[in-house]
Amino acid sequence: MAIEILADFMRYLFQCAKTYIEQSHANGRDMWTSFEDNIDFVLSHPNGWEGPEQAQIRRAAVLAGLVPDSQEGQARIRLVTEGEASLHYCLGCRQAADGFQVCSQALYVIGLNNFPGKYRCHDH
């Protein structure tokens, strides 16, 4: 049941993104058609989630119609921890850093991630 709920939510978000792109760009429909079958998805999950939970996310993505149920489809899904996603967000907001400490809070859990070392942002 939980996988189906997540799949429904993913499907909804995907449809919203499609509608936005198609309606907000002059050639939105053509643009969407040009890449809709080649979209790579980067999905975040809680830091403690391992193989079984990640497999459920991947299954939900297939049920939502984001990717086909094949090896090629699974290759288009990248899973990152919330800590990694937070790090990339922080890097996008700064030019360089001598390490990061990212703290996140959920209802009953506090996540603390340390990223020591030198980080430099790349221009997009």
N, C-alpha and C. Protein backbone atom coordinates (compact mmCIF):
# COMPACT_ATOMS: atom_id res chain seq x y z
N MET A 1 0.81 -1.19 0.00
CA MET A 1 0.00 0.00 0.00
C MET A 1 0.86 1.26 0.00
N ALA A 2 1.92 1.29 0.83
CA ALA A 2 2.77 2.48 0.91
C ALA A 2 3.46 2.75 -0.42
N ILE A 3 3.86 1.70 -1.11
CA ILE A 3 4.52 1.88 -2.40
C ILE A 3 3.56 2.51 -3.41
N GLU A 4 2.30 2.08 -3.39
CA GLU A 4 1.32 2.63 -4.30
C GLU A 4 1.04 4.11 -4.01
N ILE A 5 1.03 4.47 -2.72
CA ILE A 5 0.82 5.87 -2.35
C ILE A 5 1.98 6.72 -2.85
N LEU A 6 3.21 6.23 -2.64
CA LEU A 6 4.38 6.96 -3.13
C LEU A 6 4.34 7.06 -4.65
N ALA A 7 3.94 5.98 -5.32
CA ALA A 7 3.85 6.00 -6.78
C ALA A 7 2.83 7.05 -7.24
N ASP A 8 1.69 7.12 -6.57
CA ASP A 8 0.68 8.12 -6.92
C ASP A 8 1.23 9.53 -6.76
N PHE A 9 1.98 9.76 -5.68
CA PHE A 9 2.55 11.08 -5.44
C PHE A 9 3.61 11.41 -6.50
N MET A 10 4.46 10.45 -6.83
CA MET A 10 5.46 10.67 -7.87
C MET A 10 4.79 10.99 -9.21
N ARG A 11 3.74 10.24 -9.53
CA ARG A 11 3.01 10.46 -10.78
C ARG A 11 2.43 11.88 -10.83
N TYR A 12 1.86 12.30 -9.71
CA TYR A 12 1.29 13.65 -9.61
C TYR A 12 2.36 14.72 -9.82
N LEU A 13 3.50 14.58 -9.13
CA LEU A 13 4.58 15.57 -9.27
C LEU A 13 5.12 15.59 -10.70
N PHE A 14 5.25 14.42 -11.29
CA PHE A 14 5.73 14.33 -12.67
C PHE A 14 4.77 15.03 -13.63
N GLN A 15 3.47 14.81 -13.45
CA GLN A 15 2.46 15.45 -14.29
C GLN A 15 2.49 16.97 -14.10
N CYS A 16 2.67 17.42 -12.87
CA CYS A 16 2.76 18.87 -12.60
C CYS A 16 3.97 19.47 -13.32
N ALA A 17 5.11 18.79 -13.25
CA ALA A 17 6.31 19.28 -13.92
C ALA A 17 6.09 19.33 -15.44
N LYS A 18 5.48 18.29 -15.98
CA LYS A 18 5.20 18.25 -17.43
C LYS A 18 4.29 19.41 -17.84
N THR A 19 3.23 19.60 -17.10
CA THR A 19 2.29 20.68 -17.41
C THR A 19 2.97 22.03 -17.34
N TYR A 20 3.78 22.24 -16.31
CA TYR A 20 4.47 23.51 -16.15
C TYR A 20 5.40 23.78 -17.33
N ILE A 21 6.18 22.79 -17.70
CA ILE A 21 7.12 22.97 -18.81
C ILE A 21 6.37 23.23 -20.11
N GLU A 22 5.34 22.45 -20.36
CA GLU A 22 4.58 22.62 -21.61
C GLU A 22 3.89 23.97 -21.70
N GLN A 23 3.43 24.50 -20.56
CA GLN A 23 2.67 25.74 -20.58
C GLN A 23 3.50 27.00 -20.38
N SER A 24 4.70 26.87 -19.84
CA SER A 24 5.48 28.07 -19.52
C SER A 24 6.56 28.39 -20.55
N HIS A 25 6.74 27.55 -21.53
CA HIS A 25 7.73 27.79 -22.59
C HIS A 25 7.00 27.90 -23.93
N ALA A 26 7.51 28.77 -24.77
CA ALA A 26 6.87 28.98 -26.08
C ALA A 26 6.77 27.68 -26.87
N ASN A 27 7.79 26.88 -26.83
CA ASN A 27 7.78 25.59 -27.53
C ASN A 27 7.79 24.44 -26.52
N GLY A 28 7.05 24.61 -25.44
CA GLY A 28 7.07 23.66 -24.33
C GLY A 28 6.73 22.23 -24.70
N ARG A 29 5.72 22.05 -25.54
CA ARG A 29 5.34 20.67 -25.90
C ARG A 29 6.43 19.98 -26.70
N ASP A 30 7.02 20.72 -27.63
CA ASP A 30 8.11 20.14 -28.42
C ASP A 30 9.32 19.85 -27.53
N MET A 31 9.60 20.79 -26.61
CA MET A 31 10.71 20.60 -25.69
C MET A 31 10.49 19.34 -24.86
N TRP A 32 9.28 19.21 -24.29
CA TRP A 32 8.98 18.06 -23.45
C TRP A 32 9.13 16.75 -24.24
N THR A 33 8.59 16.73 -25.45
CA THR A 33 8.65 15.53 -26.28
C THR A 33 10.10 15.15 -26.58
N SER A 34 10.97 16.14 -26.68
CA SER A 34 12.37 15.87 -27.03
C SER A 34 13.14 15.15 -25.93
N PHE A 35 12.70 15.27 -24.67
CA PHE A 35 13.46 14.63 -23.60
C PHE A 35 12.65 13.73 -22.67
N GLU A 36 11.35 13.60 -22.88
CA GLU A 36 10.52 12.90 -21.91
C GLU A 36 10.90 11.44 -21.70
N ASP A 37 11.47 10.78 -22.69
CA ASP A 37 11.86 9.38 -22.54
C ASP A 37 13.30 9.22 -22.09
N ASN A 38 13.98 10.32 -21.80
CA ASN A 38 15.39 10.26 -21.40
C ASN A 38 15.66 11.01 -20.11
N ILE A 39 14.66 11.20 -19.29
CA ILE A 39 14.83 11.95 -18.04
C ILE A 39 15.50 11.07 -17.01
N ASP A 40 16.55 11.59 -16.40
CA ASP A 40 17.17 10.94 -15.25
C ASP A 40 16.56 11.54 -14.00
N PHE A 41 16.21 10.70 -13.04
CA PHE A 41 15.58 11.14 -11.80
C PHE A 41 16.55 11.01 -10.65
N VAL A 42 16.68 12.07 -9.87
CA VAL A 42 17.49 12.05 -8.65
C VAL A 42 16.51 12.16 -7.50
N LEU A 43 16.42 11.10 -6.72
CA LEU A 43 15.45 11.03 -5.63
C LEU A 43 16.21 10.90 -4.31
N SER A 44 15.78 11.67 -3.34
CA SER A 44 16.44 11.61 -2.03
C SER A 44 15.65 10.72 -1.09
N HIS A 45 16.37 10.19 -0.10
CA HIS A 45 15.76 9.34 0.91
C HIS A 45 16.47 9.57 2.25
N PRO A 46 15.84 9.18 3.36
CA PRO A 46 16.49 9.36 4.66
C PRO A 46 17.84 8.65 4.72
N ASN A 47 18.74 9.21 5.49
CA ASN A 47 20.11 8.71 5.56
C ASN A 47 20.21 7.23 5.93
N GLY A 48 19.33 6.74 6.77
CA GLY A 48 19.43 5.36 7.24
C GLY A 48 18.84 4.32 6.31
N TRP A 49 18.22 4.74 5.23
CA TRP A 49 17.57 3.77 4.35
C TRP A 49 18.60 3.03 3.52
N GLU A 50 18.48 1.73 3.51
CA GLU A 50 19.42 0.88 2.79
C GLU A 50 18.71 0.19 1.62
N GLY A 51 19.19 -0.96 1.24
CA GLY A 51 18.69 -1.69 0.08
C GLY A 51 17.19 -1.92 0.01
N PRO A 52 16.56 -2.47 1.06
CA PRO A 52 15.12 -2.76 0.96
C PRO A 52 14.28 -1.50 0.74
N GLU A 53 14.58 -0.45 1.46
CA GLU A 53 13.82 0.80 1.31
C GLU A 53 14.10 1.44 -0.05
N GLN A 54 15.33 1.40 -0.48
CA GLN A 54 15.67 1.96 -1.79
C GLN A 54 14.99 1.18 -2.91
N ALA A 55 14.86 -0.12 -2.74
CA ALA A 55 14.17 -0.94 -3.74
C ALA A 55 12.70 -0.54 -3.83
N GLN A 56 12.10 -0.18 -2.70
CA GLN A 56 10.71 0.26 -2.70
C GLN A 56 10.55 1.59 -3.45
N ILE A 57 11.50 2.50 -3.27
CA ILE A 57 11.46 3.77 -4.01
C ILE A 57 11.56 3.50 -5.51
N ARG A 58 12.47 2.63 -5.88
CA ARG A 58 12.65 2.30 -7.29
C ARG A 58 11.37 1.66 -7.86
N ARG A 59 10.74 0.79 -7.09
CA ARG A 59 9.50 0.14 -7.54
C ARG A 59 8.39 1.18 -7.71
N ALA A 60 8.31 2.12 -6.78
CA ALA A 60 7.29 3.17 -6.88
C ALA A 60 7.50 4.00 -8.14
N ALA A 61 8.76 4.27 -8.48
CA ALA A 61 9.05 5.05 -9.70
C ALA A 61 8.57 4.31 -10.94
N VAL A 62 8.71 3.00 -10.95
CA VAL A 62 8.22 2.19 -12.07
C VAL A 62 6.69 2.22 -12.10
N LEU A 63 6.06 2.01 -10.94
CA LEU A 63 4.59 2.02 -10.88
C LEU A 63 4.02 3.39 -11.29
N ALA A 64 4.76 4.45 -11.00
CA ALA A 64 4.32 5.80 -11.36
C ALA A 64 4.48 6.09 -12.84
N GLY A 65 5.20 5.22 -13.55
CA GLY A 65 5.43 5.43 -14.98
C GLY A 65 6.58 6.37 -15.27
N LEU A 66 7.42 6.63 -14.27
CA LEU A 66 8.56 7.52 -14.51
C LEU A 66 9.60 6.85 -15.39
N VAL A 67 9.83 5.58 -15.14
CA VAL A 67 10.81 4.81 -15.91
C VAL A 67 10.23 3.44 -16.21
N PRO A 68 10.70 2.79 -17.27
CA PRO A 68 10.22 1.42 -17.54
C PRO A 68 10.81 0.43 -16.54
N ASP A 69 10.16 -0.71 -16.42
CA ASP A 69 10.63 -1.76 -15.51
C ASP A 69 11.69 -2.59 -16.23
N SER A 70 12.86 -2.00 -16.37
CA SER A 70 13.97 -2.64 -17.07
C SER A 70 15.27 -2.16 -16.46
N GLN A 71 16.35 -2.78 -16.86
CA GLN A 71 17.67 -2.36 -16.40
C GLN A 71 17.97 -0.93 -16.86
N GLU A 72 17.56 -0.60 -18.08
CA GLU A 72 17.78 0.74 -18.60
C GLU A 72 16.97 1.76 -17.79
N GLY A 73 15.75 1.39 -17.45
CA GLY A 73 14.91 2.27 -16.64
C GLY A 73 15.51 2.52 -15.27
N GLN A 74 15.99 1.45 -14.63
CA GLN A 74 16.60 1.59 -13.31
C GLN A 74 17.87 2.44 -13.35
N ALA A 75 18.58 2.40 -14.47
CA ALA A 75 19.80 3.20 -14.61
C ALA A 75 19.49 4.69 -14.64
N ARG A 76 18.24 5.05 -14.91
CA ARG A 76 17.86 6.46 -14.96
C ARG A 76 17.44 7.00 -13.58
N ILE A 77 17.50 6.16 -12.56
CA ILE A 77 17.16 6.58 -11.19
C ILE A 77 18.44 6.66 -10.38
N ARG A 78 18.67 7.82 -9.78
CA ARG A 78 19.80 8.02 -8.88
C ARG A 78 19.22 8.28 -7.49
N LEU A 79 19.66 7.53 -6.52
CA LEU A 79 19.20 7.73 -5.15
C LEU A 79 20.31 8.37 -4.34
N VAL A 80 19.98 9.43 -3.63
CA VAL A 80 20.94 10.11 -2.76
C VAL A 80 20.31 10.27 -1.38
N THR A 81 21.16 10.29 -0.38
CA THR A 81 20.65 10.50 0.97
C THR A 81 20.26 11.96 1.15
N GLU A 82 19.44 12.22 2.14
CA GLU A 82 19.06 13.60 2.42
C GLU A 82 20.30 14.44 2.75
N GLY A 83 21.26 13.83 3.41
CA GLY A 83 22.50 14.53 3.72
C GLY A 83 23.25 14.95 2.46
N GLU A 84 23.34 14.04 1.50
CA GLU A 84 24.00 14.38 0.23
C GLU A 84 23.24 15.48 -0.50
N ALA A 85 21.92 15.39 -0.51
CA ALA A 85 21.11 16.41 -1.17
C ALA A 85 21.31 17.77 -0.50
N SER A 86 21.38 17.78 0.82
CA SER A 86 21.62 19.03 1.56
C SER A 86 22.98 19.61 1.23
N LEU A 87 23.99 18.75 1.14
CA LEU A 87 25.33 19.21 0.79
C LEU A 87 25.33 19.89 -0.57
N HIS A 88 24.70 19.26 -1.55
CA HIS A 88 24.67 19.86 -2.89
C HIS A 88 23.91 21.18 -2.89
N TYR A 89 22.86 21.28 -2.09
CA TYR A 89 22.15 22.54 -1.98
C TYR A 89 23.07 23.62 -1.40
N CYS A 90 23.78 23.27 -0.33
CA CYS A 90 24.70 24.24 0.30
C CYS A 90 25.79 24.66 -0.67
N LEU A 91 26.32 23.72 -1.42
CA LEU A 91 27.36 24.06 -2.39
C LEU A 91 26.84 24.99 -3.47
N GLY A 92 25.57 24.86 -3.80
CA GLY A 92 24.97 25.74 -4.79
C GLY A 92 24.80 27.16 -4.30
N CYS A 93 24.84 27.35 -2.99
CA CYS A 93 24.64 28.67 -2.40
C CYS A 93 25.94 29.38 -2.06
N ARG A 94 27.06 28.69 -2.17
CA ARG A 94 28.36 29.26 -1.80
C ARG A 94 29.37 29.01 -2.89
N GLN A 95 30.45 29.74 -2.86
CA GLN A 95 31.50 29.55 -3.85
C GLN A 95 32.48 28.45 -3.46
N ALA A 96 32.85 28.38 -2.20
CA ALA A 96 33.78 27.35 -1.75
C ALA A 96 33.61 27.17 -0.25
N ALA A 97 34.08 26.05 0.25
CA ALA A 97 33.96 25.81 1.69
C ALA A 97 35.06 24.88 2.14
N ASP A 98 35.46 25.05 3.39
CA ASP A 98 36.42 24.14 4.02
C ASP A 98 35.64 23.13 4.86
N GLY A 99 34.78 22.40 4.23
CA GLY A 99 33.96 21.41 4.91
C GLY A 99 32.59 21.97 5.25
N PHE A 100 31.68 21.06 5.53
CA PHE A 100 30.32 21.41 5.88
C PHE A 100 29.86 20.53 7.01
N GLN A 101 28.94 21.04 7.77
CA GLN A 101 28.19 20.23 8.70
C GLN A 101 26.72 20.56 8.43
N VAL A 102 25.95 19.56 8.08
CA VAL A 102 24.56 19.75 7.73
C VAL A 102 23.70 19.06 8.79
N CYS A 103 22.78 19.81 9.36
CA CYS A 103 21.88 19.28 10.37
C CYS A 103 20.46 19.34 9.80
N SER A 104 19.76 18.22 9.87
CA SER A 104 18.37 18.20 9.42
C SER A 104 17.52 17.61 10.53
N GLN A 105 16.27 18.03 10.56
CA GLN A 105 15.39 17.57 11.61
C GLN A 105 14.08 17.08 11.01
N ALA A 106 13.66 15.92 11.46
CA ALA A 106 12.35 15.39 11.12
C ALA A 106 11.55 15.31 12.41
N LEU A 107 10.45 14.64 12.39
CA LEU A 107 9.58 14.61 13.56
C LEU A 107 10.29 14.05 14.79
N TYR A 108 10.93 12.89 14.66
CA TYR A 108 11.58 12.25 15.80
C TYR A 108 13.07 12.04 15.60
N VAL A 109 13.61 12.54 14.52
CA VAL A 109 15.00 12.24 14.18
C VAL A 109 15.74 13.53 13.84
N ILE A 110 16.97 13.61 14.32
CA ILE A 110 17.86 14.69 13.93
C ILE A 110 19.02 14.06 13.18
N GLY A 111 19.27 14.53 11.99
CA GLY A 111 20.38 14.02 11.20
C GLY A 111 21.53 15.01 11.20
N LEU A 112 22.72 14.51 11.43
CA LEU A 112 23.92 15.35 11.43
C LEU A 112 24.93 14.70 10.50
N ASN A 113 25.33 15.43 9.47
CA ASN A 113 26.28 14.92 8.49
C ASN A 113 27.48 15.85 8.44
N ASN A 114 28.66 15.26 8.51
CA ASN A 114 29.90 16.02 8.39
C ASN A 114 30.52 15.73 7.03
N PHE A 115 30.92 16.78 6.34
CA PHE A 115 31.58 16.66 5.06
C PHE A 115 32.90 17.43 5.15
N PRO A 116 33.95 16.81 5.69
CA PRO A 116 35.22 17.52 5.82
C PRO A 116 35.92 17.66 4.47
N GLY A 117 36.84 18.59 4.39
CA GLY A 117 37.62 18.75 3.18
C GLY A 117 37.29 20.02 2.43
N LYS A 118 37.89 20.15 1.27
CA LYS A 118 37.70 21.33 0.42
C LYS A 118 36.62 21.05 -0.61
N TYR A 119 35.72 22.00 -0.75
CA TYR A 119 34.67 21.90 -1.75
C TYR A 119 34.66 23.18 -2.57
N ARG A 120 34.58 23.03 -3.87
CA ARG A 120 34.51 24.18 -4.74
C ARG A 120 33.30 24.01 -5.66
N CYS A 121 32.57 25.06 -5.79
CA CYS A 121 31.38 25.03 -6.66
C CYS A 121 31.81 25.20 -8.11
N HIS A 122 31.10 24.55 -8.98
CA HIS A 122 31.35 24.67 -10.41
C HIS A 122 30.25 25.52 -11.03
N ASP A 123 30.63 26.36 -11.97
CA ASP A 123 29.63 27.15 -12.69
C ASP A 123 28.81 26.22 -13.56
N HIS A 124 27.53 26.51 -13.66
CA HIS A 124 26.64 25.67 -14.47
C HIS A 124 26.55 26.22 -15.85
